[in-house]
Amino acid sequence: MTPANRSALIFVSVAVFAGGLAVFWVAKEAFRVQRQEVMRRSIQNPLGAEMNWIPAGKFTMGGNDGADDEKPLHDIKVRGFWMDRNEVTNNQFAKFVAATGYVTTAERTPDSSSIAGLPPDRLVPGSMVFVPVDKAISTDPNPCWKFVPGANWRHPQGPESDIKALGEYPVVHVSWDDAVAYAKWAGKRLPTEAEWEYAARGGLEQNQYPWGREPFPKGMWMMNVWQGQFPNENLAQDGYKGTAPCGAFPPNGFGLNDMAGNVWEWVADWYRPDFYAQSPRENPAGPAEGYDPAETSVPKRVKRGGSFLSSEQNGKDYRPSTRKKATPFVGMSDLGFRCAKDSVAP
């Protein structure tokens, strides 16, 4: 073998070896990245609920296409945190109740001394239930919502209803206090309003939906909301007239399901319509106390995300920037929650 041929053979052998190393390295790196992504995306907790890692980042909070309390737009930095992939389900909440004996707000007799102005017919255990009616013939200023004695998380439509077939559906009729109690038991917490909106946007900026700008990308239904004339005609074109099983629709960019529609979600913050003008720019925890100019004697907490009752006719509440308020001790048939958790990034 000539020196030239020997050199060529050595070169080819080295090249093959190097190529093999490169292929091995690429495969190893791909596996590492894939494993890291799996670890980042999902952890298992004792309740069987999956949580996704939401990486630290910054975003523009608020919106110019909604109510005044969504303004002004302001840039926020958020530290990384874990977020429940789905809203808390009936099965998960049942484990909490079985382990602790917890009794929800809707299952207790209200204390008239601590809740001023409560009418006598409300001094019994119960909760608020959505009842479709023909608004045109109703004289009630808020005809769709009725206080139903005996309605609670076990009986979402009233005493005659149950959740036997709704184990993987979101728990409803939970007050803010109920949600906090569950979160503490699970070793978690409620997300802040800023964390919730950041997570809902899925890494996108100022889009009308958690997945982007199109309501039906590739013709797909992406959320459980109202179709038809609200409040008396629900066409259920998305497949559901009421709540849907958690995860029935595609996730957003952070792998979170139902960040628009299905049920409203409690967050940690007190509600103030003017808070954005004075909000800290890093990890805001909300105001020190609540204030609702429409009902100054009752401080409110924030709820986010819209529900199966949201539609274009009643405010597009499924937008990531939508802010709504509710009395902390109230329960409703379209109001649930999901949890967050502080932890070291994977």
Protein backbone atom coordinates (compact mmCIF):
# COMPACT_ATOMS: atom_id res chain seq x y z
CA MET A 1 0.00 0.00 0.00
CA THR A 2 1.44 3.31 -1.03
CA PRO A 3 1.86 6.07 1.57
CA ALA A 4 -0.83 8.06 -0.24
CA ASN A 5 -3.32 5.17 -0.08
CA ARG A 6 -2.44 4.56 3.58
CA SER A 7 -3.06 8.22 4.37
CA ALA A 8 -6.36 8.12 2.51
CA LEU A 9 -7.45 5.00 4.42
CA ILE A 10 -6.52 6.58 7.75
CA PHE A 11 -8.44 9.72 6.77
CA VAL A 12 -11.52 7.69 5.84
CA SER A 13 -11.32 5.67 9.06
CA VAL A 14 -11.01 8.81 11.15
CA ALA A 15 -13.87 10.39 9.25
CA VAL A 16 -16.09 7.33 9.77
CA PHE A 17 -15.17 7.23 13.44
CA ALA A 18 -15.83 10.94 13.81
CA GLY A 19 -19.08 10.57 11.93
CA GLY A 20 -20.09 7.76 14.23
CA LEU A 21 -19.26 9.90 17.24
CA ALA A 22 -21.26 12.73 15.76
CA VAL A 23 -24.29 10.48 15.20
CA PHE A 24 -23.92 9.11 18.74
CA TRP A 25 -23.60 12.61 20.17
CA VAL A 26 -26.61 13.85 18.20
CA ALA A 27 -28.68 10.87 19.35
CA LYS A 28 -27.52 11.32 22.93
CA GLU A 29 -28.24 15.04 22.83
CA ALA A 30 -31.66 14.45 21.30
CA PHE A 31 -32.44 11.96 24.06
CA ARG A 32 -31.20 14.40 26.72
CA VAL A 33 -33.31 17.22 25.29
CA GLN A 34 -36.33 14.93 24.99
CA ARG A 35 -35.90 13.70 28.57
CA GLN A 36 -35.44 17.25 29.82
CA GLU A 37 -38.59 18.27 27.96
CA VAL A 38 -40.55 15.42 29.50
CA MET A 39 -39.27 16.35 32.94
CA ARG A 40 -40.00 19.99 32.30
CA ARG A 41 -43.46 19.32 30.97
CA SER A 42 -44.77 16.91 33.53
CA ILE A 43 -44.34 15.78 37.11
CA GLN A 44 -46.54 13.35 38.97
CA ASN A 45 -47.81 14.33 42.40
CA PRO A 46 -49.53 11.99 44.87
CA LEU A 47 -52.95 13.01 43.54
CA GLY A 48 -52.16 11.83 40.03
CA ALA A 49 -52.38 15.38 38.68
CA GLU A 50 -49.79 16.41 36.14
CA MET A 51 -48.03 19.74 36.37
CA ASN A 52 -46.08 21.53 33.66
CA TRP A 53 -43.03 23.68 34.19
CA ILE A 54 -43.64 27.27 33.10
CA PRO A 55 -40.21 28.82 32.46
CA ALA A 56 -39.31 32.27 33.73
CA GLY A 57 -39.96 35.04 31.23
CA LYS A 58 -41.52 38.38 30.52
CA PHE A 59 -44.70 39.38 28.72
CA THR A 60 -47.04 42.27 28.17
CA MET A 61 -49.94 41.93 30.58
CA GLY A 62 -53.41 43.28 29.90
CA GLY A 63 -55.36 44.06 26.74
CA ASN A 64 -56.68 46.96 24.70
CA ASP A 65 -59.68 45.04 23.36
CA GLY A 66 -61.54 44.53 26.63
CA ALA A 67 -62.71 46.30 29.76
CA ASP A 68 -60.97 49.24 31.39
CA ASP A 69 -59.59 47.07 34.20
CA GLU A 70 -57.39 45.31 31.62
CA LYS A 71 -55.48 48.56 31.10
CA PRO A 72 -52.88 49.92 30.92
CA LEU A 73 -50.73 47.37 29.13
CA HIS A 74 -47.60 46.80 31.19
CA ASP A 75 -44.53 44.59 30.91
CA ILE A 76 -44.13 41.96 33.61
CA LYS A 77 -41.34 39.55 34.55
CA VAL A 78 -42.37 36.22 36.05
CA ARG A 79 -40.17 33.65 37.77
CA GLY A 80 -40.49 30.00 36.72
CA PHE A 81 -43.17 27.88 38.41
CA TRP A 82 -45.19 24.69 38.06
CA MET A 83 -48.80 24.83 36.90
CA ASP A 84 -51.48 22.16 36.87
CA ARG A 85 -51.96 20.96 33.33
CA ASN A 86 -55.70 20.68 33.93
CA GLU A 87 -58.30 22.24 36.15
CA VAL A 88 -58.76 20.32 39.41
CA THR A 89 -61.19 17.46 38.78
CA ASN A 90 -64.00 16.02 40.85
CA ASN A 91 -61.91 12.88 41.45
CA GLN A 92 -58.99 14.91 42.79
CA PHE A 93 -61.20 17.05 44.99
CA ALA A 94 -62.94 13.92 46.31
CA LYS A 95 -59.56 12.55 47.49
CA PHE A 96 -58.96 15.78 49.38
CA VAL A 97 -62.38 15.62 51.07
CA ALA A 98 -61.97 11.91 51.90
CA ALA A 99 -58.55 12.55 53.48
CA THR A 100 -59.51 15.63 55.48
CA GLY A 101 -63.28 15.59 56.02
CA TYR A 102 -63.38 19.10 54.57
CA VAL A 103 -66.83 20.66 54.16
CA THR A 104 -67.10 23.22 51.36
CA THR A 105 -68.66 26.65 51.72
CA ALA A 106 -71.71 25.59 49.69
CA GLU A 107 -72.34 22.70 52.09
CA ARG A 108 -72.43 24.93 55.17
CA THR A 109 -75.24 27.08 56.50
CA PRO A 110 -74.26 30.72 55.88
CA ASP A 111 -73.57 32.92 58.87
CA SER A 112 -75.85 35.93 58.51
CA SER A 113 -73.77 37.90 61.01
CA SER A 114 -70.70 37.72 58.79
CA ILE A 115 -72.47 38.15 55.44
CA ALA A 116 -74.43 41.39 55.52
CA GLY A 117 -77.64 41.69 53.55
CA LEU A 118 -78.14 37.99 52.84
CA PRO A 119 -81.88 37.33 52.26
CA PRO A 120 -83.63 34.72 54.45
CA ASP A 121 -84.03 32.25 51.57
CA ARG A 122 -80.23 32.15 51.23
CA LEU A 123 -79.59 31.14 54.84
CA VAL A 124 -79.36 27.47 53.85
CA PRO A 125 -76.55 25.44 52.26
CA GLY A 126 -76.51 25.86 48.49
CA SER A 127 -74.86 27.54 45.54
CA MET A 128 -75.48 29.48 42.33
CA VAL A 129 -76.59 27.43 39.31
CA PHE A 130 -76.91 28.58 35.72
CA VAL A 131 -80.45 27.97 34.44
CA PRO A 132 -81.07 28.72 30.73
CA VAL A 133 -84.13 30.92 30.28
CA ASP A 134 -85.69 33.12 27.65
CA LYS A 135 -84.29 36.46 28.77
CA ALA A 136 -86.84 38.30 26.63
CA ILE A 137 -89.76 37.17 28.79
CA SER A 138 -88.00 37.34 32.16
CA THR A 139 -88.45 40.24 34.55
CA ASP A 140 -85.48 39.19 36.69
CA PRO A 141 -82.48 41.50 36.04
CA ASN A 142 -80.19 38.46 36.27
CA PRO A 143 -82.46 35.61 35.18
CA CYS A 144 -79.82 32.99 34.34
CA TRP A 145 -78.42 32.51 37.83
CA LYS A 146 -80.45 30.98 40.63
CA PHE A 147 -79.46 30.16 44.18
CA VAL A 148 -80.30 26.46 44.47
CA PRO A 149 -80.48 24.96 47.98
CA GLY A 150 -78.48 21.74 48.08
CA ALA A 151 -76.31 22.58 45.07
CA ASN A 152 -72.62 21.93 45.75
CA TRP A 153 -69.62 20.17 44.24
CA ARG A 154 -71.24 16.75 44.74
CA HIS A 155 -74.58 17.94 43.32
CA PRO A 156 -73.72 20.54 40.64
CA GLN A 157 -77.27 21.13 39.41
CA GLY A 158 -79.02 20.65 42.74
CA PRO A 159 -79.84 17.85 45.21
CA GLU A 160 -81.12 15.47 42.52
CA SER A 161 -77.91 15.64 40.48
CA ASP A 162 -74.58 13.89 41.10
CA ILE A 163 -71.05 13.52 39.71
CA LYS A 164 -70.95 9.73 39.22
CA ALA A 165 -70.06 10.13 35.54
CA LEU A 166 -68.11 13.37 36.00
CA GLY A 167 -64.96 12.22 37.76
CA GLU A 168 -62.62 13.75 35.20
CA TYR A 169 -64.66 16.93 34.82
CA PRO A 170 -63.61 20.10 36.65
CA VAL A 171 -64.90 20.48 40.18
CA VAL A 172 -67.31 23.43 40.50
CA HIS A 173 -69.21 25.22 43.29
CA VAL A 174 -65.93 25.77 45.13
CA SER A 175 -65.37 29.07 46.91
CA TRP A 176 -62.00 30.81 46.96
CA ASP A 177 -61.53 29.50 50.50
CA ASP A 178 -62.25 25.95 49.31
CA ALA A 179 -59.69 26.27 46.53
CA VAL A 180 -57.04 27.58 48.93
CA ALA A 181 -57.74 24.74 51.39
CA TYR A 182 -57.30 22.13 48.65
CA ALA A 183 -54.12 23.76 47.36
CA LYS A 184 -52.53 23.84 50.83
CA TRP A 185 -53.38 20.18 51.39
CA ALA A 186 -51.84 19.26 48.04
CA GLY A 187 -48.64 21.17 48.82
CA LYS A 188 -49.46 23.80 46.21
CA ARG A 189 -51.03 27.25 46.01
CA LEU A 190 -53.26 29.27 43.73
CA PRO A 191 -51.43 31.03 40.87
CA THR A 192 -51.14 34.80 40.96
CA GLU A 193 -53.06 36.73 38.36
CA ALA A 194 -49.82 37.55 36.52
CA GLU A 195 -48.70 33.91 36.55
CA TRP A 196 -52.09 32.80 35.29
CA GLU A 197 -52.11 35.19 32.33
CA TYR A 198 -48.49 34.45 31.46
CA ALA A 199 -49.23 30.71 31.49
CA ALA A 200 -52.47 31.16 29.55
CA ARG A 201 -50.71 32.98 26.73
CA GLY A 202 -48.49 29.95 26.16
CA GLY A 203 -45.44 31.96 25.17
CA LEU A 204 -47.34 34.16 22.71
CA GLU A 205 -47.84 37.91 22.95
CA GLN A 206 -51.14 39.79 22.81
CA ASN A 207 -53.23 37.16 21.03
CA GLN A 208 -56.96 36.83 21.51
CA TYR A 209 -56.67 33.12 22.25
CA PRO A 210 -54.19 31.02 24.27
CA TRP A 211 -53.13 29.24 21.07
CA GLY A 212 -52.91 32.22 18.69
CA ARG A 213 -55.04 34.59 16.64
CA GLU A 214 -57.41 32.19 14.87
CA PRO A 215 -60.50 30.93 16.72
CA PHE A 216 -60.57 27.64 14.77
CA PRO A 217 -57.08 26.76 13.50
CA LYS A 218 -57.43 24.14 10.76
CA GLY A 219 -61.14 24.03 11.52
CA MET A 220 -60.61 22.64 15.05
CA TRP A 221 -62.63 23.57 18.11
CA MET A 222 -60.09 24.68 20.71
CA MET A 223 -62.26 25.54 23.72
CA ASN A 224 -65.56 24.79 25.43
CA VAL A 225 -67.67 27.95 25.14
CA TRP A 226 -71.22 28.95 24.22
CA GLN A 227 -72.47 28.80 20.63
CA GLY A 228 -75.85 30.23 19.72
CA GLN A 229 -78.06 32.98 21.10
CA PHE A 230 -77.13 33.53 24.74
CA PRO A 231 -78.69 32.66 27.17
CA ASN A 232 -81.47 30.50 25.76
CA GLU A 233 -79.95 28.75 22.72
CA ASN A 234 -76.86 26.59 23.15
CA LEU A 235 -75.99 24.84 19.90
CA ALA A 236 -73.15 22.88 21.53
CA GLN A 237 -71.16 22.84 18.31
CA ASP A 238 -68.00 22.19 20.33
CA GLY A 239 -69.54 18.99 21.65
CA TYR A 240 -70.58 20.13 25.13
CA LYS A 241 -73.58 22.00 26.55
CA GLY A 242 -72.06 22.21 30.02
CA THR A 243 -68.59 21.52 31.32
CA ALA A 244 -66.25 19.23 29.39
CA PRO A 245 -63.81 16.61 30.68
CA CYS A 246 -60.48 18.20 31.54
CA GLY A 247 -58.13 18.02 28.58
CA ALA A 248 -60.84 17.47 25.96
CA PHE A 249 -59.37 20.27 23.82
CA PRO A 250 -55.80 20.82 22.55
CA PRO A 251 -53.27 22.42 24.94
CA ASN A 252 -51.56 25.77 24.48
CA GLY A 253 -47.84 26.35 23.96
CA PHE A 254 -47.02 25.54 27.58
CA GLY A 255 -48.99 22.29 27.38
CA LEU A 256 -51.88 23.59 29.51
CA ASN A 257 -55.47 22.60 28.79
CA ASP A 258 -58.64 24.68 29.06
CA MET A 259 -56.98 28.04 29.69
CA ALA A 260 -59.97 29.40 27.75
CA GLY A 261 -63.51 28.29 28.50
CA ASN A 262 -64.83 25.24 30.39
CA VAL A 263 -64.82 26.81 33.89
CA TRP A 264 -63.63 30.04 35.42
CA GLU A 265 -60.55 29.65 37.60
CA TRP A 266 -59.86 31.32 40.92
CA VAL A 267 -56.47 33.02 41.27
CA ALA A 268 -54.76 34.27 44.42
CA ASP A 269 -55.18 38.02 43.92
CA TRP A 270 -57.62 40.48 45.38
CA TYR A 271 -59.48 42.45 42.71
CA ARG A 272 -58.95 46.16 42.13
CA PRO A 273 -59.85 47.72 38.77
CA ASP A 274 -56.96 50.20 39.00
CA PHE A 275 -54.20 47.82 40.08
CA TYR A 276 -52.42 47.63 36.71
CA ALA A 277 -51.49 51.32 36.90
CA GLN A 278 -49.49 50.67 40.06
CA SER A 279 -48.50 47.03 39.64
CA PRO A 280 -44.91 45.99 40.41
CA ARG A 281 -43.09 44.88 37.26
CA GLU A 282 -41.63 41.68 38.70
CA ASN A 283 -43.72 38.84 40.12
CA PRO A 284 -46.70 40.98 41.20
CA ALA A 285 -48.79 39.37 43.93
CA GLY A 286 -51.80 41.65 43.53
CA PRO A 287 -53.12 44.43 45.77
CA ALA A 288 -53.12 44.22 49.56
CA GLU A 289 -56.92 44.38 49.67
CA GLY A 290 -59.85 44.14 47.32
CA TYR A 291 -62.04 46.94 46.07
CA ASP A 292 -65.03 46.75 43.73
CA PRO A 293 -66.51 50.19 42.93
CA ALA A 294 -69.78 48.50 41.98
CA GLU A 295 -70.10 46.96 45.47
CA THR A 296 -67.76 48.78 47.81
CA SER A 297 -68.74 46.86 50.95
CA VAL A 298 -67.74 43.44 49.55
CA PRO A 299 -64.08 42.83 48.58
CA LYS A 300 -63.66 40.44 45.64
CA ARG A 301 -61.09 37.99 44.36
CA VAL A 302 -60.09 37.58 40.72
CA LYS A 303 -61.25 34.75 38.48
CA ARG A 304 -59.80 34.08 35.04
CA GLY A 305 -60.31 32.21 31.79
CA GLY A 306 -64.01 32.29 30.99
CA SER A 307 -66.28 29.26 31.01
CA PHE A 308 -68.65 27.17 28.92
CA LEU A 309 -71.01 30.15 29.19
CA SER A 310 -68.61 32.62 27.53
CA SER A 311 -69.38 33.85 24.04
CA GLU A 312 -68.83 36.73 21.65
CA GLN A 313 -72.20 38.08 22.80
CA ASN A 314 -71.26 38.42 26.46
CA GLY A 315 -67.77 39.83 26.39
CA LYS A 316 -65.42 37.20 24.96
CA ASP A 317 -64.38 36.32 28.48
CA TYR A 318 -62.14 33.53 27.18
CA ARG A 319 -59.46 36.08 26.18
CA PRO A 320 -56.23 35.67 28.23
CA SER A 321 -56.43 39.28 29.45
CA THR A 322 -60.02 39.15 30.74
CA ARG A 323 -60.36 39.94 34.44
CA LYS A 324 -63.51 39.15 36.40
CA LYS A 325 -64.30 39.35 40.09
CA ALA A 326 -66.26 37.22 42.53
CA THR A 327 -67.03 37.20 46.24
CA PRO A 328 -64.58 34.79 47.91
CA PHE A 329 -67.30 32.78 49.68
CA VAL A 330 -69.39 32.31 46.53
CA GLY A 331 -69.70 29.08 44.53
CA MET A 332 -71.03 28.78 40.99
CA SER A 333 -71.72 26.00 38.50
CA ASP A 334 -69.06 27.35 36.13
CA LEU A 335 -66.33 28.24 38.64
CA GLY A 336 -63.38 26.01 39.54
CA PHE A 337 -59.61 26.37 39.83
CA ARG A 338 -56.17 24.96 39.12
CA CYS A 339 -53.03 25.08 41.25
CA ALA A 340 -49.46 26.31 40.95
CA LYS A 341 -46.32 25.29 42.82
CA ASP A 342 -42.92 26.79 43.49
CA SER A 343 -40.02 24.50 42.73
CA VAL A 344 -36.55 24.28 41.24
CA ALA A 345 -36.58 24.16 37.46
CA PRO A 346 -35.91 20.73 35.88
